[in-house]
Amino acid sequence: MNSFINVRKEFNPELNWWDINPHMIHVRPFSKLYADDESKNKKTSSKHMWCIFFMNEPDELLNLYFRLPEDQRLEVCKTYNPEFDITNELILECSNSYIEVCLTLIEQTLKNTKDMFHKRNAFLKTADYNFETMTQLDNAIAKTPKLEEDFDKVYQKYLAQQNKKVQLHGGRNQTLREKKLIRPDLADETEDDDQ
């Protein structure tokens, strides 16, 4: 799980990014994005940061949008935040810094590999299959199992990183709820509060 940012599994983009990640206010270039924002409660830059998160966070349990190809993620960002402009120099700098600062090396590799597979699949799906391209396309398709095998190795390393044992008092193991593999039943919690 990403340890630099604070986004829970029940992520809510309506929360102010800076309220849940106040430490990022002091890290360049995020600090500049924050300081330049004149909107009430820094809402504009908060939305920009959520879009940067949507575009770059490869943990699909945290970022449901990462399953989408990059161009579709950008559409999600534009729908959520019409002011988001990935070509804006500061936003682009923040996006690049998010990858370097907020993601571990294996998360960066996972992100790049997933993005490559999205682009590759889109290309192969739309490539014209004819006598001129047949050999190249057949070779590309034949290499797919090896690429998938390599991706699986990256993904297994990522899972191993995610599942590292957390030291708990008394040497006990984490519960499924602590591992965030199950969620509390909200109905049970409200019943407990009523008693």
C-alpha atoms as a PDB file:
ATOM      1  CA  MET A   1       0.000   0.000   0.000  1.00  0.00           C
ATOM      2  CA  ASN A   2       1.253   3.437  -0.857  1.00  0.00           C
ATOM      3  CA  SER A   3       2.712   4.892   2.323  1.00  0.00           C
ATOM      4  CA  PHE A   4       3.503   8.441   1.195  1.00  0.00           C
ATOM      5  CA  ILE A   5      -0.064   9.460   0.492  1.00  0.00           C
ATOM      6  CA  ASN A   6      -3.079   8.975   2.719  1.00  0.00           C
ATOM      7  CA  VAL A   7      -5.972   7.671   0.653  1.00  0.00           C
ATOM      8  CA  ARG A   8      -8.125   5.041   2.245  1.00  0.00           C
ATOM      9  CA  LYS A   9      -9.744   2.145   0.393  1.00  0.00           C
ATOM     10  CA  GLU A  10     -13.062   3.993   0.678  1.00  0.00           C
ATOM     11  CA  PHE A  11     -11.488   6.898  -1.182  1.00  0.00           C
ATOM     12  CA  ASN A  12     -13.644   9.945  -1.684  1.00  0.00           C
ATOM     13  CA  PRO A  13     -12.481  12.559  -4.208  1.00  0.00           C
ATOM     14  CA  GLU A  14     -14.851  15.044  -2.609  1.00  0.00           C
ATOM     15  CA  LEU A  15     -12.503  15.174   0.380  1.00  0.00           C
ATOM     16  CA  ASN A  16      -9.912  17.914   0.208  1.00  0.00           C
ATOM     17  CA  TRP A  17      -6.612  16.339  -0.882  1.00  0.00           C
ATOM     18  CA  TRP A  18      -4.633  18.724   1.342  1.00  0.00           C
ATOM     19  CA  ASP A  19      -6.693  17.881   4.433  1.00  0.00           C
ATOM     20  CA  ILE A  20      -5.862  14.188   4.142  1.00  0.00           C
ATOM     21  CA  ASN A  21      -2.291  14.749   2.889  1.00  0.00           C
ATOM     22  CA  PRO A  22      -1.112  17.905   4.716  1.00  0.00           C
ATOM     23  CA  HIS A  23       2.535  16.788   4.565  1.00  0.00           C
ATOM     24  CA  MET A  24       2.513  17.279   0.788  1.00  0.00           C
ATOM     25  CA  ILE A  25       1.999  21.024   1.231  1.00  0.00           C
ATOM     26  CA  HIS A  26       5.702  21.224   2.094  1.00  0.00           C
ATOM     27  CA  VAL A  27       7.055  19.134  -0.809  1.00  0.00           C
ATOM     28  CA  ARG A  28       7.942  20.794  -4.110  1.00  0.00           C
ATOM     29  CA  PRO A  29       6.326  21.013  -6.660  1.00  0.00           C
ATOM     30  CA  PHE A  30       3.121  20.183  -4.767  1.00  0.00           C
ATOM     31  CA  SER A  31       3.802  23.123  -2.440  1.00  0.00           C
ATOM     32  CA  LYS A  32       3.781  25.485  -5.434  1.00  0.00           C
ATOM     33  CA  LEU A  33       0.483  24.059  -6.708  1.00  0.00           C
ATOM     34  CA  TYR A  34      -0.948  24.618  -3.233  1.00  0.00           C
ATOM     35  CA  ALA A  35       0.515  28.119  -2.784  1.00  0.00           C
ATOM     36  CA  ASP A  36      -0.619  29.321  -6.235  1.00  0.00           C
ATOM     37  CA  ASP A  37      -4.222  28.248  -5.586  1.00  0.00           C
ATOM     38  CA  GLU A  38      -6.433  31.215  -4.657  1.00  0.00           C
ATOM     39  CA  SER A  39      -9.685  29.232  -4.486  1.00  0.00           C
ATOM     40  CA  LYS A  40     -11.573  28.789  -1.220  1.00  0.00           C
ATOM     41  CA  ASN A  41     -10.028  25.995   0.880  1.00  0.00           C
ATOM     42  CA  LYS A  42      -7.580  25.312  -1.979  1.00  0.00           C
ATOM     43  CA  LYS A  43     -10.334  23.345  -3.703  1.00  0.00           C
ATOM     44  CA  THR A  44      -8.942  23.813  -7.230  1.00  0.00           C
ATOM     45  CA  SER A  45      -5.493  22.441  -6.428  1.00  0.00           C
ATOM     46  CA  SER A  46      -7.103  19.652  -4.390  1.00  0.00           C
ATOM     47  CA  LYS A  47      -9.024  18.559  -7.475  1.00  0.00           C
ATOM     48  CA  HIS A  48      -5.843  18.766  -9.552  1.00  0.00           C
ATOM     49  CA  MET A  49      -4.116  16.462  -7.057  1.00  0.00           C
ATOM     50  CA  TRP A  50      -6.989  13.974  -7.208  1.00  0.00           C
ATOM     51  CA  CYS A  51      -6.637  13.936 -11.003  1.00  0.00           C
ATOM     52  CA  ILE A  52      -2.891  13.393 -10.695  1.00  0.00           C
ATOM     53  CA  PHE A  53      -3.704  10.493  -8.363  1.00  0.00           C
ATOM     54  CA  PHE A  54      -6.246   9.079 -10.876  1.00  0.00           C
ATOM     55  CA  MET A  55      -3.659   9.247 -13.662  1.00  0.00           C
ATOM     56  CA  ASN A  56      -0.708   7.755 -11.789  1.00  0.00           C
ATOM     57  CA  GLU A  57      -1.634   5.585  -8.813  1.00  0.00           C
ATOM     58  CA  PRO A  58      -1.361   1.946 -10.010  1.00  0.00           C
ATOM     59  CA  ASP A  59      -2.930   0.368  -6.907  1.00  0.00           C
ATOM     60  CA  GLU A  60      -6.344  -0.572  -8.298  1.00  0.00           C
ATOM     61  CA  LEU A  61      -7.718  -1.125  -4.795  1.00  0.00           C
ATOM     62  CA  LEU A  62      -7.056   2.552  -4.089  1.00  0.00           C
ATOM     63  CA  ASN A  63      -7.543   3.957  -7.575  1.00  0.00           C
ATOM     64  CA  LEU A  64     -10.402   2.270  -9.393  1.00  0.00           C
ATOM     65  CA  TYR A  65      -9.709   4.360 -12.503  1.00  0.00           C
ATOM     66  CA  PHE A  66      -6.291   2.839 -13.148  1.00  0.00           C
ATOM     67  CA  ARG A  67      -7.970  -0.113 -14.869  1.00  0.00           C
ATOM     68  CA  LEU A  68      -8.805   2.284 -17.678  1.00  0.00           C
ATOM     69  CA  PRO A  69      -6.384   3.168 -20.477  1.00  0.00           C
ATOM     70  CA  GLU A  70      -4.595   6.487 -20.006  1.00  0.00           C
ATOM     71  CA  ASP A  71      -6.821   8.432 -22.419  1.00  0.00           C
ATOM     72  CA  GLN A  72      -9.953   7.249 -20.608  1.00  0.00           C
ATOM     73  CA  ARG A  73      -8.441   8.177 -17.232  1.00  0.00           C
ATOM     74  CA  LEU A  74      -7.844  11.638 -18.662  1.00  0.00           C
ATOM     75  CA  GLU A  75     -11.537  11.805 -19.666  1.00  0.00           C
ATOM     76  CA  VAL A  76     -12.490  10.898 -16.082  1.00  0.00           C
ATOM     77  CA  CYS A  77     -10.274  13.732 -14.862  1.00  0.00           C
ATOM     78  CA  LYS A  78     -11.857  16.211 -17.268  1.00  0.00           C
ATOM     79  CA  THR A  79     -15.350  15.145 -16.162  1.00  0.00           C
ATOM     80  CA  TYR A  80     -14.438  15.397 -12.474  1.00  0.00           C
ATOM     81  CA  ASN A  81     -12.381  18.581 -12.893  1.00  0.00           C
ATOM     82  CA  PRO A  82     -12.917  20.500 -16.173  1.00  0.00           C
ATOM     83  CA  GLU A  83     -10.004  22.825 -15.242  1.00  0.00           C
ATOM     84  CA  PHE A  84      -7.512  19.940 -15.246  1.00  0.00           C
ATOM     85  CA  ASP A  85      -4.931  20.405 -18.010  1.00  0.00           C
ATOM     86  CA  ILE A  86      -2.256  17.717 -18.109  1.00  0.00           C
ATOM     87  CA  THR A  87      -0.184  19.930 -20.435  1.00  0.00           C
ATOM     88  CA  ASN A  88      -0.003  22.729 -17.850  1.00  0.00           C
ATOM     89  CA  GLU A  89       3.660  22.980 -16.835  1.00  0.00           C
ATOM     90  CA  LEU A  90       3.046  22.874 -13.066  1.00  0.00           C
ATOM     91  CA  ILE A  91       0.475  20.067 -13.260  1.00  0.00           C
ATOM     92  CA  LEU A  92       2.823  18.062 -15.477  1.00  0.00           C
ATOM     93  CA  GLU A  93       5.649  18.644 -12.993  1.00  0.00           C
ATOM     94  CA  CYS A  94       3.411  17.514 -10.125  1.00  0.00           C
ATOM     95  CA  SER A  95       2.339  14.450 -12.092  1.00  0.00           C
ATOM     96  CA  ASN A  96       5.954  13.464 -12.766  1.00  0.00           C
ATOM     97  CA  SER A  97       6.879  14.134  -9.135  1.00  0.00           C
ATOM     98  CA  TYR A  98       3.944  12.038  -7.925  1.00  0.00           C
ATOM     99  CA  ILE A  99       5.459   9.073  -9.759  1.00  0.00           C
ATOM    100  CA  GLU A 100       8.936   9.660  -8.331  1.00  0.00           C
ATOM    101  CA  VAL A 101       8.004  10.751  -4.798  1.00  0.00           C
ATOM    102  CA  CYS A 102       4.789   8.913  -4.005  1.00  0.00           C
ATOM    103  CA  LEU A 103       5.401   5.556  -5.697  1.00  0.00           C
ATOM    104  CA  THR A 104       7.952   2.929  -4.768  1.00  0.00           C
ATOM    105  CA  LEU A 105      10.241   1.608  -7.483  1.00  0.00           C
ATOM    106  CA  ILE A 106       8.093  -1.516  -7.940  1.00  0.00           C
ATOM    107  CA  GLU A 107       4.923   0.643  -8.098  1.00  0.00           C
ATOM    108  CA  GLN A 108       6.580   2.775 -10.787  1.00  0.00           C
ATOM    109  CA  THR A 109       7.436  -0.373 -12.745  1.00  0.00           C
ATOM    110  CA  LEU A 110       3.884  -1.667 -12.319  1.00  0.00           C
ATOM    111  CA  LYS A 111       2.429   1.640 -13.542  1.00  0.00           C
ATOM    112  CA  ASN A 112       4.704   1.765 -16.595  1.00  0.00           C
ATOM    113  CA  THR A 113       4.020  -1.878 -17.444  1.00  0.00           C
ATOM    114  CA  LYS A 114       0.239  -1.478 -17.155  1.00  0.00           C
ATOM    115  CA  ASP A 115       0.326   1.676 -19.290  1.00  0.00           C
ATOM    116  CA  MET A 116       2.433  -0.137 -21.908  1.00  0.00           C
ATOM    117  CA  PHE A 117      -0.016  -3.061 -22.029  1.00  0.00           C
ATOM    118  CA  HIS A 118      -2.965  -0.690 -22.490  1.00  0.00           C
ATOM    119  CA  LYS A 119      -1.202   1.020 -25.416  1.00  0.00           C
ATOM    120  CA  ARG A 120       0.005  -2.272 -26.902  1.00  0.00           C
ATOM    121  CA  ASN A 121      -3.443  -3.870 -26.759  1.00  0.00           C
ATOM    122  CA  ALA A 122      -5.062  -0.802 -28.313  1.00  0.00           C
ATOM    123  CA  PHE A 123      -2.470  -0.791 -31.108  1.00  0.00           C
ATOM    124  CA  LEU A 124      -2.846  -4.510 -31.864  1.00  0.00           C
ATOM    125  CA  LYS A 125      -6.630  -4.179 -31.821  1.00  0.00           C
ATOM    126  CA  THR A 126      -6.595  -1.406 -34.428  1.00  0.00           C
ATOM    127  CA  ALA A 127      -3.588  -2.492 -36.523  1.00  0.00           C
ATOM    128  CA  ASP A 128      -4.396  -3.339 -40.120  1.00  0.00           C
ATOM    129  CA  TYR A 129      -3.623  -7.005 -40.786  1.00  0.00           C
ATOM    130  CA  ASN A 130      -2.447  -7.427 -44.363  1.00  0.00           C
ATOM    131  CA  PHE A 131       0.420  -9.007 -46.340  1.00  0.00           C
ATOM    132  CA  GLU A 132       2.729  -6.092 -45.496  1.00  0.00           C
ATOM    133  CA  THR A 133       2.065  -6.118 -41.724  1.00  0.00           C
ATOM    134  CA  MET A 134       1.298  -9.818 -41.211  1.00  0.00           C
ATOM    135  CA  THR A 135       4.808 -10.917 -40.147  1.00  0.00           C
ATOM    136  CA  GLN A 136       5.295  -8.034 -37.716  1.00  0.00           C
ATOM    137  CA  LEU A 137       1.859  -8.485 -36.146  1.00  0.00           C
ATOM    138  CA  ASP A 138       2.256 -12.262 -35.874  1.00  0.00           C
ATOM    139  CA  ASN A 139       5.626 -11.735 -34.146  1.00  0.00           C
ATOM    140  CA  ALA A 140       4.115  -9.205 -31.756  1.00  0.00           C
ATOM    141  CA  ILE A 141       1.242 -11.564 -30.886  1.00  0.00           C
ATOM    142  CA  ALA A 142       3.668 -14.491 -30.450  1.00  0.00           C
ATOM    143  CA  LYS A 143       5.626 -12.431 -27.885  1.00  0.00           C
ATOM    144  CA  THR A 144       2.502 -11.728 -25.817  1.00  0.00           C
ATOM    145  CA  PRO A 145       2.816 -14.774 -23.486  1.00  0.00           C
ATOM    146  CA  LYS A 146       6.412 -13.792 -22.602  1.00  0.00           C
ATOM    147  CA  LEU A 147       5.344 -10.208 -21.902  1.00  0.00           C
ATOM    148  CA  GLU A 148       2.482 -11.459 -19.736  1.00  0.00           C
ATOM    149  CA  GLU A 149       4.918 -13.716 -17.877  1.00  0.00           C
ATOM    150  CA  ASP A 150       7.231 -10.751 -17.262  1.00  0.00           C
ATOM    151  CA  PHE A 151       4.268  -8.661 -16.095  1.00  0.00           C
ATOM    152  CA  ASP A 152       3.259 -11.433 -13.702  1.00  0.00           C
ATOM    153  CA  LYS A 153       6.744 -11.303 -12.143  1.00  0.00           C
ATOM    154  CA  VAL A 154       6.419  -7.555 -11.624  1.00  0.00           C
ATOM    155  CA  TYR A 155       2.932  -7.994 -10.190  1.00  0.00           C
ATOM    156  CA  GLN A 156       4.092 -10.735  -7.802  1.00  0.00           C
ATOM    157  CA  LYS A 157       6.858  -8.432  -6.522  1.00  0.00           C
ATOM    158  CA  TYR A 158       4.251  -5.714  -6.078  1.00  0.00           C
ATOM    159  CA  LEU A 159       1.976  -8.074  -4.125  1.00  0.00           C
ATOM    160  CA  ALA A 160       4.890  -9.190  -1.960  1.00  0.00           C
ATOM    161  CA  GLN A 161       5.627  -5.541  -1.180  1.00  0.00           C
ATOM    162  CA  GLN A 162       1.972  -4.935  -0.330  1.00  0.00           C
ATOM    163  CA  ASN A 163       1.737  -7.983   1.919  1.00  0.00           C
ATOM    164  CA  LYS A 164       4.870  -7.382   3.984  1.00  0.00           C
ATOM    165  CA  LYS A 165       4.225  -8.306   7.564  1.00  0.00           C
ATOM    166  CA  VAL A 166       3.323  -5.413   9.793  1.00  0.00           C
ATOM    167  CA  GLN A 167       4.851  -5.619  13.242  1.00  0.00           C
ATOM    168  CA  LEU A 168       2.059  -5.849  15.748  1.00  0.00           C
ATOM    169  CA  HIS A 169       2.086  -5.879  19.540  1.00  0.00           C
ATOM    170  CA  GLY A 170       2.827  -9.340  20.902  1.00  0.00           C
ATOM    171  CA  GLY A 171       3.907 -10.661  17.495  1.00  0.00           C
ATOM    172  CA  ARG A 172       0.323 -11.368  16.432  1.00  0.00           C
ATOM    173  CA  ASN A 173      -0.708 -11.409  12.773  1.00  0.00           C
ATOM    174  CA  GLN A 174      -2.931  -8.788  11.229  1.00  0.00           C
ATOM    175  CA  THR A 175      -6.626  -9.552  11.106  1.00  0.00           C
ATOM    176  CA  LEU A 176      -8.394  -9.578   7.739  1.00  0.00           C
ATOM    177  CA  ARG A 177      -9.968  -6.244   8.661  1.00  0.00           C
ATOM    178  CA  GLU A 178      -6.537  -4.750   9.457  1.00  0.00           C
ATOM    179  CA  LYS A 179      -5.249  -6.031   6.118  1.00  0.00           C
ATOM    180  CA  LYS A 180      -8.294  -4.293   4.603  1.00  0.00           C
ATOM    181  CA  LEU A 181      -9.423  -7.536   3.010  1.00  0.00           C
ATOM    182  CA  ILE A 182     -12.822  -7.168   4.626  1.00  0.00           C
ATOM    183  CA  ARG A 183     -14.729  -4.053   5.496  1.00  0.00           C
ATOM    184  CA  PRO A 184     -16.736  -3.489   8.633  1.00  0.00           C
ATOM    185  CA  ASP A 185     -20.469  -3.918   8.311  1.00  0.00           C
ATOM    186  CA  LEU A 186     -21.743  -0.402   8.872  1.00  0.00           C
ATOM    187  CA  ALA A 187     -25.080  -1.743  10.092  1.00  0.00           C
ATOM    188  CA  ASP A 188     -23.257  -3.580  12.905  1.00  0.00           C
ATOM    189  CA  GLU A 189     -21.398  -0.432  13.919  1.00  0.00           C
ATOM    190  CA  THR A 190     -24.548   1.674  14.101  1.00  0.00           C
ATOM    191  CA  GLU A 191     -26.277  -1.003  16.165  1.00  0.00           C
ATOM    192  CA  ASP A 192     -23.311  -1.011  18.571  1.00  0.00           C
ATOM    193  CA  ASP A 193     -23.511   2.772  18.842  1.00  0.00           C
ATOM    194  CA  ASP A 194     -27.206   2.586  19.758  1.00  0.00           C
ATOM    195  CA  GLN A 195     -26.586   0.261  22.700  1.00  0.00           C
END
